[in-house]
């Protein structure tokens, strides 16, 4: 599978990949002792190829290799900006009104009929 690095920690040999299938994120956790410091560690925006497996409720990546460094270096910032815009736009959406405790459904219906929507 291909993906883009969203976050990485070179010292801990960890990374989070956004997968090409737009499914769950893939989490990579390599052995920090086996980290080859002569190679460039993953960085946000790198295009990587890796294998995936499901471990409990997490999608995990293994055997990752960098296909193209800095393929989309500003992707994490783009996603954060989009996320902030989406949250602002959706606040105040549909509100579900629940029946107050100890209020019989018939009394609630009478009240709702008397009030305009």
C-alpha atoms as a PDB file:
ATOM      1  CA  UNK A   1       0.000   0.000   0.000  1.00  0.00           C
ATOM      2  CA  UNK A   2       1.045   3.598  -0.545  1.00  0.00           C
ATOM      3  CA  UNK A   3       0.540   6.422   1.889  1.00  0.00           C
ATOM      4  CA  UNK A   4       1.752   9.813   3.029  1.00  0.00           C
ATOM      5  CA  UNK A   5       3.473  10.388   6.358  1.00  0.00           C
ATOM      6  CA  UNK A   6       1.323  12.631   8.555  1.00  0.00           C
ATOM      7  CA  UNK A   7       3.512  12.457  11.662  1.00  0.00           C
ATOM      8  CA  UNK A   8       6.772  10.826  12.659  1.00  0.00           C
ATOM      9  CA  UNK A   9       9.147  10.537  15.595  1.00  0.00           C
ATOM     10  CA  UNK A  10      12.620   9.582  14.399  1.00  0.00           C
ATOM     11  CA  UNK A  11      14.017   8.784  17.860  1.00  0.00           C
ATOM     12  CA  UNK A  12      11.183   6.381  18.702  1.00  0.00           C
ATOM     13  CA  UNK A  13      11.038   5.041  15.110  1.00  0.00           C
ATOM     14  CA  UNK A  14       7.288   5.713  14.885  1.00  0.00           C
ATOM     15  CA  UNK A  15       5.098   7.184  12.155  1.00  0.00           C
ATOM     16  CA  UNK A  16       1.462   7.602  11.132  1.00  0.00           C
ATOM     17  CA  UNK A  17       0.510   7.075   7.479  1.00  0.00           C
ATOM     18  CA  UNK A  18      -2.542   8.313   5.594  1.00  0.00           C
ATOM     19  CA  UNK A  19      -3.334   5.388   3.305  1.00  0.00           C
ATOM     20  CA  UNK A  20      -4.122   5.500  -0.404  1.00  0.00           C
ATOM     21  CA  UNK A  21      -7.447   3.706   0.155  1.00  0.00           C
ATOM     22  CA  UNK A  22      -8.583   6.532   2.484  1.00  0.00           C
ATOM     23  CA  UNK A  23      -9.418   3.906   5.099  1.00  0.00           C
ATOM     24  CA  UNK A  24      -8.063   3.907   8.632  1.00  0.00           C
ATOM     25  CA  UNK A  25      -4.679   5.468   9.289  1.00  0.00           C
ATOM     26  CA  UNK A  26      -1.766   3.033   9.514  1.00  0.00           C
ATOM     27  CA  UNK A  27       0.525   3.172  12.533  1.00  0.00           C
ATOM     28  CA  UNK A  28       4.179   2.207  12.214  1.00  0.00           C
ATOM     29  CA  UNK A  29       6.203   1.371  15.294  1.00  0.00           C
ATOM     30  CA  UNK A  30       9.636   0.058  14.433  1.00  0.00           C
ATOM     31  CA  UNK A  31      12.264  -1.082  16.887  1.00  0.00           C
ATOM     32  CA  UNK A  32      14.101   2.079  18.019  1.00  0.00           C
ATOM     33  CA  UNK A  33      17.284   0.049  18.539  1.00  0.00           C
ATOM     34  CA  UNK A  34      17.288  -1.097  14.910  1.00  0.00           C
ATOM     35  CA  UNK A  35      16.961   2.432  13.519  1.00  0.00           C
ATOM     36  CA  UNK A  36      19.673   3.068  10.941  1.00  0.00           C
ATOM     37  CA  UNK A  37      20.704   6.656  11.619  1.00  0.00           C
ATOM     38  CA  UNK A  38      22.632   6.774   8.338  1.00  0.00           C
ATOM     39  CA  UNK A  39      19.286   6.729   6.501  1.00  0.00           C
ATOM     40  CA  UNK A  40      16.913   9.678   6.456  1.00  0.00           C
ATOM     41  CA  UNK A  41      13.998   8.953   8.814  1.00  0.00           C
ATOM     42  CA  UNK A  42      10.416   9.558   7.738  1.00  0.00           C
ATOM     43  CA  UNK A  43       9.196  13.119   7.625  1.00  0.00           C
ATOM     44  CA  UNK A  44       5.708  14.583   7.229  1.00  0.00           C
ATOM     45  CA  UNK A  45       4.740  14.645   3.564  1.00  0.00           C
ATOM     46  CA  UNK A  46       6.932  11.727   2.472  1.00  0.00           C
ATOM     47  CA  UNK A  47       5.284   9.244   0.104  1.00  0.00           C
ATOM     48  CA  UNK A  48       5.882   5.737   1.466  1.00  0.00           C
ATOM     49  CA  UNK A  49       5.121   2.177   0.433  1.00  0.00           C
ATOM     50  CA  UNK A  50       4.388  -0.376   3.146  1.00  0.00           C
ATOM     51  CA  UNK A  51       2.536  -3.533   4.063  1.00  0.00           C
ATOM     52  CA  UNK A  52      -0.433  -3.439   6.434  1.00  0.00           C
ATOM     53  CA  UNK A  53      -2.112  -5.767   8.897  1.00  0.00           C
ATOM     54  CA  UNK A  54      -4.949  -5.429  11.369  1.00  0.00           C
ATOM     55  CA  UNK A  55      -3.986  -5.668  15.052  1.00  0.00           C
ATOM     56  CA  UNK A  56      -7.027  -5.508  17.326  1.00  0.00           C
ATOM     57  CA  UNK A  57      -8.694  -2.249  16.305  1.00  0.00           C
ATOM     58  CA  UNK A  58      -5.608  -0.648  14.750  1.00  0.00           C
ATOM     59  CA  UNK A  59      -4.260  -0.828  11.225  1.00  0.00           C
ATOM     60  CA  UNK A  60      -0.517  -1.261  11.504  1.00  0.00           C
ATOM     61  CA  UNK A  61       2.198  -0.769   8.926  1.00  0.00           C
ATOM     62  CA  UNK A  62       5.412  -2.705   8.525  1.00  0.00           C
ATOM     63  CA  UNK A  63       8.319  -2.804   6.099  1.00  0.00           C
ATOM     64  CA  UNK A  64       7.895   0.857   5.049  1.00  0.00           C
ATOM     65  CA  UNK A  65      10.134   2.436   2.424  1.00  0.00           C
ATOM     66  CA  UNK A  66      10.258   6.017   1.209  1.00  0.00           C
ATOM     67  CA  UNK A  67       9.137   6.293  -2.411  1.00  0.00           C
ATOM     68  CA  UNK A  68       9.470  10.078  -2.693  1.00  0.00           C
ATOM     69  CA  UNK A  69      10.698  12.411  -0.004  1.00  0.00           C
ATOM     70  CA  UNK A  70       8.610  15.573   0.576  1.00  0.00           C
ATOM     71  CA  UNK A  71       5.946  14.499  -1.941  1.00  0.00           C
ATOM     72  CA  UNK A  72       3.388  16.654  -0.093  1.00  0.00           C
ATOM     73  CA  UNK A  73       5.232  18.345   2.745  1.00  0.00           C
ATOM     74  CA  UNK A  74       2.365  20.691   3.643  1.00  0.00           C
ATOM     75  CA  UNK A  75      -0.318  17.963   3.768  1.00  0.00           C
ATOM     76  CA  UNK A  76      -0.581  17.934   7.593  1.00  0.00           C
ATOM     77  CA  UNK A  77      -1.179  21.713   7.606  1.00  0.00           C
ATOM     78  CA  UNK A  78      -3.755  21.417   4.794  1.00  0.00           C
ATOM     79  CA  UNK A  79      -5.631  18.756   6.754  1.00  0.00           C
ATOM     80  CA  UNK A  80      -5.586  20.838   9.943  1.00  0.00           C
ATOM     81  CA  UNK A  81      -6.925  23.897   8.087  1.00  0.00           C
ATOM     82  CA  UNK A  82      -9.663  21.825   6.452  1.00  0.00           C
ATOM     83  CA  UNK A  83     -10.548  20.224   9.785  1.00  0.00           C
ATOM     84  CA  UNK A  84     -10.842  23.594  11.538  1.00  0.00           C
ATOM     85  CA  UNK A  85     -13.053  24.963   8.738  1.00  0.00           C
ATOM     86  CA  UNK A  86     -15.264  21.874   8.765  1.00  0.00           C
ATOM     87  CA  UNK A  87     -15.760  22.034  12.539  1.00  0.00           C
ATOM     88  CA  UNK A  88     -16.719  25.724  12.377  1.00  0.00           C
ATOM     89  CA  UNK A  89     -19.156  25.087   9.526  1.00  0.00           C
ATOM     90  CA  UNK A  90     -20.904  22.181  11.245  1.00  0.00           C
ATOM     91  CA  UNK A  91     -21.334  23.675  14.711  1.00  0.00           C
ATOM     92  CA  UNK A  92     -24.950  24.436  15.400  1.00  0.00           C
ATOM     93  CA  UNK A  93     -26.167  21.623  13.174  1.00  0.00           C
ATOM     94  CA  UNK A  94     -29.260  19.553  13.762  1.00  0.00           C
ATOM     95  CA  UNK A  95     -30.182  19.368  17.421  1.00  0.00           C
ATOM     96  CA  UNK A  96     -32.161  16.441  18.758  1.00  0.00           C
ATOM     97  CA  UNK A  97     -34.459  17.346  21.623  1.00  0.00           C
ATOM     98  CA  UNK A  98     -34.939  14.611  24.180  1.00  0.00           C
ATOM     99  CA  UNK A  99     -37.909  14.220  26.483  1.00  0.00           C
ATOM    100  CA  UNK A 100     -37.104  15.546  29.973  1.00  0.00           C
ATOM    101  CA  UNK A 101     -37.041  12.902  32.685  1.00  0.00           C
ATOM    102  CA  UNK A 102     -40.356  12.082  34.338  1.00  0.00           C
ATOM    103  CA  UNK A 103     -42.338  13.839  31.586  1.00  0.00           C
ATOM    104  CA  UNK A 104     -45.011  11.628  30.052  1.00  0.00           C
ATOM    105  CA  UNK A 105     -44.860  11.477  26.231  1.00  0.00           C
ATOM    106  CA  UNK A 106     -48.470  12.750  25.901  1.00  0.00           C
ATOM    107  CA  UNK A 107     -47.679  15.956  27.829  1.00  0.00           C
ATOM    108  CA  UNK A 108     -44.628  16.533  25.663  1.00  0.00           C
ATOM    109  CA  UNK A 109     -46.650  16.143  22.440  1.00  0.00           C
ATOM    110  CA  UNK A 110     -49.232  18.683  23.662  1.00  0.00           C
ATOM    111  CA  UNK A 111     -46.472  21.174  24.443  1.00  0.00           C
ATOM    112  CA  UNK A 112     -44.788  20.653  21.046  1.00  0.00           C
ATOM    113  CA  UNK A 113     -48.065  21.170  19.176  1.00  0.00           C
ATOM    114  CA  UNK A 114     -48.590  24.514  20.905  1.00  0.00           C
ATOM    115  CA  UNK A 115     -45.125  25.835  19.986  1.00  0.00           C
ATOM    116  CA  UNK A 116     -44.181  26.778  16.400  1.00  0.00           C
ATOM    117  CA  UNK A 117     -41.185  24.990  14.959  1.00  0.00           C
END
